[in-house]
Amino acid sequence: MSRPAPRTSPSLLSVPLVATLLASLAIAATFIASKASRRAERRSPRERGDDLEALVERRTLELASLSTHLQELAEKEKSELARNLHDELGGLLTAAKMDLSWLQARLASDMSAEPAVHQRLQQLGAVLDEAMDVKRRVVEDLRPSLLDHFGLATALRAYLEAVSAKSGLACEMRIVGEEPVPQDVAIALFRVVQEALTNIVPHAAAHSVRLTLASDPRAYALTLADDGAGVDLASPDFHWPHGFASVRHRVWALGGQLSLRTAPGGGSILEVHVPRRGSPAA
């Protein structure tokens, strides 16, 4: 009687099978990697650089578009807030002022009224006058009414006069080719001057500024020069203020350019050029 053949262990059968599968996978992975490597090698460094530049440009345009949208939204909110302050708060203060005038007229005919009452009413009148002045200044800072009703040149003149009266800075303004300026360009140029003077008054140690607003068939131009301390633009300690970066982007969004020429002890000259719509430079 023959003896049965010995049974082979399953583990002995699985070893060569697994080894074969691993070898096949290794060969396939090597083939795929080699093919991908050859495909990448076929692209020149210039092509890879072009792809990176295109990506950077696309992301930059997206960020610029977002920044422009946020600035437009902020300007709209400022306008709405200014209108609400002018209408609602202005109405309340005017009503309070009228009631105060009525009380003062009634007490003026009452000989028994104490002098302290008259004094307190006068103080209240002074407080209301100051509150109305603060309201007016806040509204004008948020959205200058002269800009909407009388144009950029008038708004800039009034703003320079207010800055001069408050700070003692001598301000000179020159208009070349005065004419209506589109609303978006007008608010952009006004914000440039506003931001510049906000920095000049406390930091530049300037005694005077000269503002020139000009226009021609190709562009609108604004130049603001001061005789202050100036700065070293090449210094690692110099950083553009955030407000200036904002107005610079606002000018760029209109297709314009903003430049600053300055040196320590030599004052500063800020120049802005915004092309007209439809002009060759636009």
Protein backbone atom coordinates (compact mmCIF):
# COMPACT_ATOMS: atom_id res chain seq x y z
CA MET A 1 0.00 0.00 0.00
CA SER A 2 1.45 3.30 -1.10
CA ARG A 3 2.02 6.04 1.37
CA PRO A 4 0.21 9.39 0.82
CA ALA A 5 2.29 12.25 -0.54
CA PRO A 6 3.37 14.75 2.11
CA ARG A 7 1.19 17.83 2.39
CA THR A 8 2.92 21.11 1.51
CA SER A 9 2.60 23.94 4.05
CA PRO A 10 0.52 26.87 2.81
CA SER A 11 3.12 29.28 4.17
CA LEU A 12 5.71 27.82 1.86
CA LEU A 13 3.41 28.44 -1.12
CA SER A 14 2.61 32.05 -0.12
CA VAL A 15 6.23 33.19 0.11
CA PRO A 16 7.05 33.00 -3.60
CA LEU A 17 3.61 34.38 -4.49
CA VAL A 18 4.02 37.45 -2.28
CA ALA A 19 7.55 37.96 -3.53
CA THR A 20 6.30 37.83 -7.09
CA LEU A 21 3.55 40.38 -6.37
CA LEU A 22 5.95 42.72 -4.62
CA ALA A 23 8.38 42.47 -7.48
CA SER A 24 5.62 43.24 -9.97
CA LEU A 25 4.48 46.24 -7.95
CA ALA A 26 8.05 47.49 -7.71
CA ILE A 27 8.49 47.17 -11.45
CA ALA A 28 5.18 49.01 -12.08
CA ALA A 29 6.07 51.79 -9.61
CA THR A 30 9.49 52.17 -11.20
CA PHE A 31 7.91 52.36 -14.64
CA ILE A 32 5.35 54.98 -13.55
CA ALA A 33 7.98 57.06 -11.75
CA SER A 34 10.28 56.85 -14.73
CA LYS A 35 7.53 57.94 -17.07
CA ALA A 36 6.55 60.87 -14.82
CA SER A 37 10.20 61.85 -14.50
CA ARG A 38 10.66 61.82 -18.27
CA ARG A 39 7.50 63.92 -18.68
CA ALA A 40 8.77 66.46 -16.15
CA GLU A 41 12.21 66.48 -17.75
CA ARG A 42 10.69 67.29 -21.11
CA ARG A 43 9.48 70.60 -19.60
CA SER A 44 12.25 73.14 -19.60
CA PRO A 45 13.14 75.24 -16.54
CA ARG A 46 11.75 78.21 -18.41
CA GLU A 47 8.38 76.47 -18.80
CA ARG A 48 8.32 75.59 -15.12
CA GLY A 49 9.22 79.19 -14.27
CA ASP A 50 6.46 80.45 -16.58
CA ASP A 51 3.95 78.27 -14.75
CA LEU A 52 5.08 79.70 -11.41
CA GLU A 53 4.91 83.26 -12.72
CA ALA A 54 1.41 82.62 -14.09
CA LEU A 55 0.31 81.27 -10.72
CA VAL A 56 1.76 84.25 -8.88
CA GLU A 57 0.15 86.67 -11.33
CA ARG A 58 -3.22 84.95 -10.99
CA ARG A 59 -3.08 85.05 -7.19
CA THR A 60 -1.93 88.70 -7.26
CA LEU A 61 -4.86 89.68 -9.48
CA GLU A 62 -7.24 87.87 -7.15
CA LEU A 63 -5.85 89.70 -4.11
CA ALA A 64 -5.91 93.04 -5.95
CA SER A 65 -9.53 92.48 -6.94
CA LEU A 66 -10.43 91.61 -3.34
CA SER A 67 -8.61 94.68 -2.03
CA THR A 68 -10.41 96.93 -4.53
CA HIS A 69 -13.76 95.45 -3.53
CA LEU A 70 -13.04 95.98 0.17
CA GLN A 71 -12.02 99.60 -0.44
CA GLU A 72 -15.16 100.27 -2.44
CA LEU A 73 -17.23 98.65 0.29
CA ALA A 74 -15.49 100.72 3.00
CA GLU A 75 -16.08 103.92 0.98
CA LYS A 76 -19.75 103.05 0.61
CA GLU A 77 -20.08 102.38 4.35
CA LYS A 78 -18.33 105.68 5.14
CA SER A 79 -20.78 107.51 2.88
CA GLU A 80 -23.79 105.86 4.52
CA LEU A 81 -22.47 106.53 8.02
CA ALA A 82 -21.78 110.17 7.16
CA ARG A 83 -25.29 110.57 5.79
CA ASN A 84 -26.84 108.99 8.90
CA LEU A 85 -24.78 111.18 11.23
CA HIS A 86 -25.69 114.28 9.25
CA ASP A 87 -29.41 113.52 9.10
CA GLU A 88 -30.16 111.80 12.40
CA LEU A 89 -27.57 113.13 14.84
CA GLY A 90 -27.69 116.54 13.19
CA GLY A 91 -31.47 116.59 13.58
CA LEU A 92 -31.28 115.68 17.27
CA LEU A 93 -28.66 118.34 18.00
CA THR A 94 -30.62 120.97 16.11
CA ALA A 95 -33.78 120.12 18.04
CA ALA A 96 -31.88 120.31 21.33
CA LYS A 97 -30.46 123.68 20.33
CA MET A 98 -33.96 124.99 19.53
CA ASP A 99 -35.33 123.78 22.88
CA LEU A 100 -32.43 125.44 24.66
CA SER A 101 -33.12 128.73 22.86
CA TRP A 102 -36.80 128.50 23.92
CA LEU A 103 -35.82 127.96 27.56
CA GLN A 104 -33.36 130.85 27.50
CA ALA A 105 -36.03 133.15 26.04
CA ARG A 106 -38.53 132.15 28.72
CA LEU A 107 -36.05 132.61 31.55
CA ALA A 108 -34.92 135.97 30.20
CA SER A 109 -38.38 137.37 31.01
CA ASP A 110 -38.48 135.68 34.42
CA MET A 111 -36.81 138.05 36.85
CA SER A 112 -36.95 135.45 39.62
CA ALA A 113 -34.71 132.97 37.83
CA GLU A 114 -31.44 132.35 39.60
CA PRO A 115 -28.21 133.46 37.86
CA ALA A 116 -26.86 129.92 38.21
CA VAL A 117 -29.67 128.66 35.96
CA HIS A 118 -28.74 131.15 33.23
CA GLN A 119 -25.09 130.14 33.58
CA ARG A 120 -25.87 126.45 33.26
CA LEU A 121 -27.98 127.06 30.18
CA GLN A 122 -25.16 129.01 28.59
CA GLN A 123 -22.76 126.14 29.33
CA LEU A 124 -25.23 123.71 27.81
CA GLY A 125 -25.41 125.89 24.70
CA ALA A 126 -21.61 125.84 24.42
CA VAL A 127 -21.58 122.05 24.75
CA LEU A 128 -24.21 121.68 22.03
CA ASP A 129 -22.24 124.00 19.73
CA GLU A 130 -19.12 121.91 20.29
CA ALA A 131 -21.05 118.68 19.66
CA MET A 132 -22.38 120.06 16.38
CA ASP A 133 -18.85 121.06 15.34
CA VAL A 134 -17.51 117.59 16.19
CA LYS A 135 -20.35 116.02 14.19
CA ARG A 136 -19.56 118.23 11.22
CA ARG A 137 -15.83 117.35 11.32
CA VAL A 138 -16.53 113.62 11.64
CA VAL A 139 -18.97 113.72 8.73
CA GLU A 140 -16.50 115.64 6.58
CA ASP A 141 -13.70 113.18 7.38
CA LEU A 142 -15.92 110.23 6.50
CA ARG A 143 -17.25 111.73 3.28
CA PRO A 144 -16.57 115.37 2.38
CA SER A 145 -19.86 116.89 1.26
CA LEU A 146 -18.02 119.48 -0.83
CA LEU A 147 -16.54 116.66 -2.89
CA ASP A 148 -19.99 115.38 -3.85
CA HIS A 149 -21.56 118.78 -4.46
CA PHE A 150 -18.79 121.08 -5.66
CA GLY A 151 -15.99 118.84 -6.92
CA LEU A 152 -12.45 117.89 -6.04
CA ALA A 153 -10.78 121.30 -6.23
CA THR A 154 -13.24 122.94 -3.81
CA ALA A 155 -13.05 120.00 -1.40
CA LEU A 156 -9.24 120.09 -1.39
CA ARG A 157 -9.17 123.86 -0.79
CA ALA A 158 -11.50 123.52 2.19
CA TYR A 159 -9.53 120.58 3.57
CA LEU A 160 -6.21 122.43 3.30
CA GLU A 161 -7.70 125.48 5.01
CA ALA A 162 -8.96 123.28 7.87
CA VAL A 163 -5.56 121.59 8.25
CA SER A 164 -3.79 124.94 8.20
CA ALA A 165 -6.12 126.44 10.82
CA LYS A 166 -5.71 123.43 13.11
CA SER A 167 -1.97 122.76 12.76
CA GLY A 168 -0.48 126.10 11.71
CA LEU A 169 0.96 124.48 8.57
CA ALA A 170 1.20 126.94 5.68
CA CYS A 171 -0.73 125.44 2.77
CA GLU A 172 -0.63 126.63 -0.84
CA MET A 173 -2.78 125.21 -3.63
CA ARG A 174 -2.52 125.65 -7.38
CA ILE A 175 -5.06 124.45 -9.94
CA VAL A 176 -4.10 123.87 -13.58
CA GLY A 177 -6.95 123.17 -15.98
CA GLU A 178 -9.74 123.04 -13.41
CA GLU A 179 -12.58 120.86 -14.64
CA PRO A 180 -14.92 118.13 -13.31
CA VAL A 181 -13.12 114.95 -12.21
CA PRO A 182 -14.86 111.54 -12.26
CA GLN A 183 -16.18 110.57 -8.84
CA ASP A 184 -13.95 107.51 -8.32
CA VAL A 185 -10.84 109.46 -9.36
CA ALA A 186 -11.86 112.42 -7.18
CA ILE A 187 -12.31 110.36 -4.02
CA ALA A 188 -9.02 108.51 -4.69
CA LEU A 189 -7.04 111.75 -5.07
CA PHE A 190 -8.75 113.28 -2.04
CA ARG A 191 -7.84 110.23 0.09
CA VAL A 192 -4.23 110.49 -1.10
CA VAL A 193 -4.00 114.10 0.11
CA GLN A 194 -5.82 113.23 3.32
CA GLU A 195 -3.45 110.37 4.11
CA ALA A 196 -0.36 112.39 3.16
CA LEU A 197 -1.25 115.32 5.41
CA THR A 198 -2.18 112.93 8.21
CA ASN A 199 1.48 111.81 8.12
CA ILE A 200 3.07 115.18 7.35
CA VAL A 201 1.53 117.15 10.21
CA PRO A 202 2.71 114.98 13.14
CA HIS A 203 5.86 113.39 11.68
CA ALA A 204 7.50 115.50 8.95
CA ALA A 205 8.31 118.64 10.99
CA ALA A 206 7.25 120.63 7.92
CA HIS A 207 6.41 124.32 7.87
CA SER A 208 4.64 124.46 4.52
CA VAL A 209 3.12 122.30 1.79
CA ARG A 210 2.31 123.01 -1.85
CA LEU A 211 -0.47 121.16 -3.63
CA THR A 212 -0.84 121.20 -7.41
CA LEU A 213 -3.84 119.66 -9.15
CA ALA A 214 -3.61 119.49 -12.95
CA SER A 215 -5.41 117.84 -15.83
CA ASP A 216 -4.85 117.44 -19.54
CA PRO A 217 -6.44 115.33 -22.31
CA ARG A 218 -4.47 112.28 -21.16
CA ALA A 219 -4.46 112.23 -17.36
CA TYR A 220 -5.14 113.83 -14.01
CA ALA A 221 -2.08 114.71 -11.95
CA LEU A 222 -1.60 115.65 -8.31
CA THR A 223 1.62 116.80 -6.67
CA LEU A 224 2.07 117.42 -2.95
CA ALA A 225 5.42 118.83 -1.79
CA ASP A 226 6.53 119.65 1.75
CA ASP A 227 9.68 121.16 3.30
CA GLY A 228 9.88 118.63 6.12
CA ALA A 229 12.58 116.29 7.37
CA GLY A 230 12.14 113.70 4.61
CA VAL A 231 12.96 110.01 4.93
CA ASP A 232 15.47 107.52 3.58
CA LEU A 233 13.49 105.15 1.37
CA ALA A 234 16.47 102.77 1.16
CA SER A 235 16.68 102.38 4.93
CA PRO A 236 15.63 98.96 6.27
CA ASP A 237 13.74 100.83 8.99
CA PHE A 238 11.47 102.52 6.44
CA HIS A 239 8.04 100.98 5.96
CA TRP A 240 5.12 102.37 4.02
CA PRO A 241 2.30 103.21 6.44
CA HIS A 242 -0.74 100.99 6.03
CA GLY A 243 -2.86 103.96 5.05
CA PHE A 244 -0.42 104.86 2.29
CA ALA A 245 -0.39 101.29 1.01
CA SER A 246 -4.18 101.51 0.83
CA VAL A 247 -4.29 104.72 -1.22
CA ARG A 248 -1.46 103.47 -3.42
CA HIS A 249 -3.53 100.42 -4.30
CA ARG A 250 -6.54 102.67 -4.86
CA VAL A 251 -4.51 104.62 -7.44
CA TRP A 252 -3.23 101.42 -9.08
CA ALA A 253 -6.79 100.12 -9.37
CA LEU A 254 -7.56 103.18 -11.53
CA GLY A 255 -4.58 102.39 -13.77
CA GLY A 256 -2.52 105.19 -12.24
CA GLN A 257 0.86 105.53 -10.57
CA LEU A 258 1.92 106.90 -7.19
CA SER A 259 5.54 107.83 -6.47
CA LEU A 260 7.41 109.44 -3.60
CA ARG A 261 10.67 111.36 -3.94
CA THR A 262 12.33 112.19 -0.65
CA ALA A 263 15.64 112.35 1.14
CA PRO A 264 16.68 113.02 4.74
CA GLY A 265 16.53 116.77 5.31
CA GLY A 266 15.28 117.43 1.79
CA GLY A 267 11.51 117.29 2.19
CA SER A 268 9.21 115.06 0.17
CA ILE A 269 7.38 115.22 -3.15
CA LEU A 270 4.41 112.94 -3.69
CA GLU A 271 3.20 112.56 -7.28
CA VAL A 272 0.07 110.83 -8.56
CA HIS A 273 -0.95 110.31 -12.19
CA VAL A 274 -4.30 108.77 -13.14
CA PRO A 275 -5.05 108.28 -16.85
CA ARG A 276 -8.35 109.42 -18.28
CA ARG A 277 -10.67 106.69 -19.45
CA GLY A 278 -10.25 106.11 -23.15
CA SER A 279 -6.90 107.89 -23.32
CA PRO A 280 -3.88 106.07 -24.82
CA ALA A 281 -2.40 105.72 -21.34
CA ALA A 282 -5.55 104.14 -19.91
